[in-house]
Amino acid sequence: MVEDLENGLIWWSTDRATVGLVVRDGVVVETAPYARRWAQGRDAREIYRKGERQEGVALVWVPAAEAEAEQA
């Protein structure tokens, strides 16, 4: 489990779909329309733990500092 899920992006991928979950202050604040109802407003650690336990889910945590550096 990634320790610091405060600000950044959770990249959640399965064989059926891939979605980015934007995290601010440890809470999912934005995502694709088909995942909003499920994810928006939820604790990022809860979602990440669920993905780790679920078969067939690939997770990547991209901290905000890394994402901002790549855009520059």
C-alpha atoms as a PDB file:
ATOM      1  CA  MET A   1       0.000   0.000   0.000  1.00  0.00           C
ATOM      2  CA  VAL A   2       1.208   3.457  -0.877  1.00  0.00           C
ATOM      3  CA  GLU A   3       1.540   5.469   2.343  1.00  0.00           C
ATOM      4  CA  ASP A   4       0.799   9.039   1.244  1.00  0.00           C
ATOM      5  CA  LEU A   5      -2.387   9.288  -0.820  1.00  0.00           C
ATOM      6  CA  GLU A   6      -2.961  13.007  -0.237  1.00  0.00           C
ATOM      7  CA  ASN A   7      -2.660  14.715  -3.639  1.00  0.00           C
ATOM      8  CA  GLY A   8      -2.240  13.012  -6.981  1.00  0.00           C
ATOM      9  CA  LEU A   9      -3.808  10.429  -9.248  1.00  0.00           C
ATOM     10  CA  ILE A  10      -4.853   6.813  -8.751  1.00  0.00           C
ATOM     11  CA  TRP A  11      -4.627   4.967 -12.054  1.00  0.00           C
ATOM     12  CA  TRP A  12      -7.088   2.031 -11.769  1.00  0.00           C
ATOM     13  CA  SER A  13      -7.051  -0.497 -14.579  1.00  0.00           C
ATOM     14  CA  THR A  14      -8.852  -3.771 -15.304  1.00  0.00           C
ATOM     15  CA  ASP A  15      -9.274  -5.786 -18.467  1.00  0.00           C
ATOM     16  CA  ARG A  16     -12.559  -3.922 -19.072  1.00  0.00           C
ATOM     17  CA  ALA A  17     -11.631  -0.292 -18.311  1.00  0.00           C
ATOM     18  CA  THR A  18      -8.971   2.131 -17.135  1.00  0.00           C
ATOM     19  CA  VAL A  19      -9.782   5.248 -15.161  1.00  0.00           C
ATOM     20  CA  GLY A  20      -7.854   8.026 -13.451  1.00  0.00           C
ATOM     21  CA  LEU A  21      -9.076   9.174 -10.045  1.00  0.00           C
ATOM     22  CA  VAL A  22      -7.910  12.681  -9.094  1.00  0.00           C
ATOM     23  CA  VAL A  23      -7.156  12.925  -5.374  1.00  0.00           C
ATOM     24  CA  ARG A  24      -6.957  16.125  -3.317  1.00  0.00           C
ATOM     25  CA  ASP A  25      -6.457  16.084   0.451  1.00  0.00           C
ATOM     26  CA  GLY A  26      -6.956  12.304   0.491  1.00  0.00           C
ATOM     27  CA  VAL A  27     -10.382  12.346  -1.193  1.00  0.00           C
ATOM     28  CA  VAL A  28     -11.324  11.555  -4.806  1.00  0.00           C
ATOM     29  CA  VAL A  29     -12.505  14.849  -6.320  1.00  0.00           C
ATOM     30  CA  GLU A  30     -12.733  14.043 -10.036  1.00  0.00           C
ATOM     31  CA  THR A  31     -12.954  11.047 -12.322  1.00  0.00           C
ATOM     32  CA  ALA A  32     -14.564   9.876 -15.555  1.00  0.00           C
ATOM     33  CA  PRO A  33     -18.381  10.053 -15.642  1.00  0.00           C
ATOM     34  CA  TYR A  34     -18.847   6.271 -15.501  1.00  0.00           C
ATOM     35  CA  ALA A  35     -16.848   6.064 -12.221  1.00  0.00           C
ATOM     36  CA  ARG A  36     -18.074   9.242 -10.499  1.00  0.00           C
ATOM     37  CA  ARG A  37     -20.972   7.743  -8.634  1.00  0.00           C
ATOM     38  CA  TRP A  38     -18.756   5.021  -7.211  1.00  0.00           C
ATOM     39  CA  ALA A  39     -15.602   7.032  -6.447  1.00  0.00           C
ATOM     40  CA  GLN A  40     -16.202  10.754  -6.028  1.00  0.00           C
ATOM     41  CA  GLY A  41     -16.033  11.883  -2.420  1.00  0.00           C
ATOM     42  CA  ARG A  42     -14.557   8.594  -1.154  1.00  0.00           C
ATOM     43  CA  ASP A  43     -11.356   8.275   0.820  1.00  0.00           C
ATOM     44  CA  ALA A  44      -8.427   7.513  -1.510  1.00  0.00           C
ATOM     45  CA  ARG A  45      -6.909   4.965   0.901  1.00  0.00           C
ATOM     46  CA  GLU A  46     -10.189   3.022   0.988  1.00  0.00           C
ATOM     47  CA  ILE A  47     -10.342   2.875  -2.807  1.00  0.00           C
ATOM     48  CA  TYR A  48      -6.671   1.887  -3.122  1.00  0.00           C
ATOM     49  CA  ARG A  49      -7.068  -0.913  -0.549  1.00  0.00           C
ATOM     50  CA  LYS A  50     -10.141  -2.189  -2.407  1.00  0.00           C
ATOM     51  CA  GLY A  51      -8.116  -2.324  -5.641  1.00  0.00           C
ATOM     52  CA  GLU A  52      -5.268  -4.196  -3.943  1.00  0.00           C
ATOM     53  CA  ARG A  53      -7.679  -6.868  -2.687  1.00  0.00           C
ATOM     54  CA  GLN A  54      -9.582  -7.222  -5.959  1.00  0.00           C
ATOM     55  CA  GLU A  55      -8.406  -9.807  -8.492  1.00  0.00           C
ATOM     56  CA  GLY A  56      -7.448  -8.378 -11.913  1.00  0.00           C
ATOM     57  CA  VAL A  57      -6.982  -4.747 -10.839  1.00  0.00           C
ATOM     58  CA  ALA A  58      -3.734  -2.912 -11.592  1.00  0.00           C
ATOM     59  CA  LEU A  59      -3.073   0.235  -9.551  1.00  0.00           C
ATOM     60  CA  VAL A  60      -0.554   3.036  -9.914  1.00  0.00           C
ATOM     61  CA  TRP A  61      -0.270   6.027  -7.591  1.00  0.00           C
ATOM     62  CA  VAL A  62       1.120   9.188  -9.242  1.00  0.00           C
ATOM     63  CA  PRO A  63       1.855  11.869  -6.633  1.00  0.00           C
ATOM     64  CA  ALA A  64       0.882  15.419  -7.614  1.00  0.00           C
ATOM     65  CA  ALA A  65       4.501  16.580  -7.582  1.00  0.00           C
ATOM     66  CA  GLU A  66       5.407  14.025 -10.281  1.00  0.00           C
ATOM     67  CA  ALA A  67       2.366  14.843 -12.390  1.00  0.00           C
ATOM     68  CA  GLU A  68       3.106  18.581 -12.231  1.00  0.00           C
ATOM     69  CA  ALA A  69       6.778  18.034 -13.161  1.00  0.00           C
ATOM     70  CA  GLU A  70       5.807  15.998 -16.241  1.00  0.00           C
ATOM     71  CA  GLN A  71       3.505  18.802 -17.447  1.00  0.00           C
ATOM     72  CA  ALA A  72       6.269  21.421 -17.197  1.00  0.00           C
END
